[in-house]
Amino acid sequence: INTQDTPSDVLIYFTDAKGRFPEFEPNYPVLWLIKGKERVPWGSRIQLN
């Protein structure tokens, strides 16, 4: 995302939140849509059932 010529307004990420997260929070809002009970390091978490 950071390599694109246009700046991001928001990132919406559909995930199970298992795995590695980026080390630093980006300078735009991040919405995590999560299937499961895993936690996210930053941003807003939305539970999918």
C-alpha atoms as a PDB file:
ATOM      1  CA  ILE A   1       0.000   0.000   0.000  1.00  0.00           C
ATOM      2  CA  ASN A   2       2.778   2.424   0.895  1.00  0.00           C
ATOM      3  CA  THR A   3       4.347   2.004  -2.563  1.00  0.00           C
ATOM      4  CA  GLN A   4       1.301   3.393  -4.419  1.00  0.00           C
ATOM      5  CA  ASP A   5       1.299   6.939  -5.787  1.00  0.00           C
ATOM      6  CA  THR A   6      -2.045   7.822  -4.174  1.00  0.00           C
ATOM      7  CA  PRO A   7      -2.346   8.097  -0.386  1.00  0.00           C
ATOM      8  CA  SER A   8      -4.677   5.715   1.431  1.00  0.00           C
ATOM      9  CA  ASP A   9      -7.718   7.016   3.289  1.00  0.00           C
ATOM     10  CA  VAL A  10      -8.447   3.738   5.106  1.00  0.00           C
ATOM     11  CA  LEU A  11      -7.476   0.055   5.037  1.00  0.00           C
ATOM     12  CA  ILE A  12     -10.199  -2.578   5.468  1.00  0.00           C
ATOM     13  CA  TYR A  13      -8.659  -5.976   6.188  1.00  0.00           C
ATOM     14  CA  PHE A  14     -10.674  -9.237   6.238  1.00  0.00           C
ATOM     15  CA  THR A  15      -8.667 -11.785   8.234  1.00  0.00           C
ATOM     16  CA  ASP A  16      -8.592 -14.467  10.905  1.00  0.00           C
ATOM     17  CA  ALA A  17      -5.881 -12.325  12.593  1.00  0.00           C
ATOM     18  CA  LYS A  18      -3.515 -15.275  12.839  1.00  0.00           C
ATOM     19  CA  GLY A  19      -0.021 -14.528  11.699  1.00  0.00           C
ATOM     20  CA  ARG A  20       2.356 -11.584  11.855  1.00  0.00           C
ATOM     21  CA  PHE A  21       1.266  -7.969  11.939  1.00  0.00           C
ATOM     22  CA  PRO A  22       3.255  -5.000  10.659  1.00  0.00           C
ATOM     23  CA  GLU A  23       5.556  -3.565  13.297  1.00  0.00           C
ATOM     24  CA  PHE A  24       4.213  -0.011  13.048  1.00  0.00           C
ATOM     25  CA  GLU A  25       0.705   1.405  12.764  1.00  0.00           C
ATOM     26  CA  PRO A  26       0.150   3.239   9.445  1.00  0.00           C
ATOM     27  CA  ASN A  27      -0.855   6.904   9.313  1.00  0.00           C
ATOM     28  CA  TYR A  28      -4.388   6.058   8.108  1.00  0.00           C
ATOM     29  CA  PRO A  29      -7.267   4.232   9.851  1.00  0.00           C
ATOM     30  CA  VAL A  30      -7.286   0.431   9.789  1.00  0.00           C
ATOM     31  CA  LEU A  31     -10.487  -1.605  10.177  1.00  0.00           C
ATOM     32  CA  TRP A  32      -9.909  -5.271  10.967  1.00  0.00           C
ATOM     33  CA  LEU A  33     -12.880  -7.516  10.107  1.00  0.00           C
ATOM     34  CA  ILE A  34     -12.075 -10.625  12.142  1.00  0.00           C
ATOM     35  CA  LYS A  35     -13.391 -14.167  11.914  1.00  0.00           C
ATOM     36  CA  GLY A  36     -12.379 -15.675  15.243  1.00  0.00           C
ATOM     37  CA  LYS A  37     -11.318 -14.370  18.639  1.00  0.00           C
ATOM     38  CA  GLU A  38      -7.790 -13.162  17.917  1.00  0.00           C
ATOM     39  CA  ARG A  39      -6.734  -9.663  18.962  1.00  0.00           C
ATOM     40  CA  VAL A  40      -5.266  -6.974  16.729  1.00  0.00           C
ATOM     41  CA  PRO A  41      -2.391  -4.667  17.743  1.00  0.00           C
ATOM     42  CA  TRP A  42      -4.033  -1.389  16.652  1.00  0.00           C
ATOM     43  CA  GLY A  43      -6.925  -0.034  14.645  1.00  0.00           C
ATOM     44  CA  SER A  44     -10.600  -0.891  15.025  1.00  0.00           C
ATOM     45  CA  ARG A  45     -11.665  -4.525  15.347  1.00  0.00           C
ATOM     46  CA  ILE A  46     -15.035  -5.665  13.982  1.00  0.00           C
ATOM     47  CA  GLN A  47     -16.175  -9.206  14.808  1.00  0.00           C
ATOM     48  CA  LEU A  48     -17.554 -11.324  11.954  1.00  0.00           C
ATOM     49  CA  ASN A  49     -19.714 -14.287  12.933  1.00  0.00           C
END
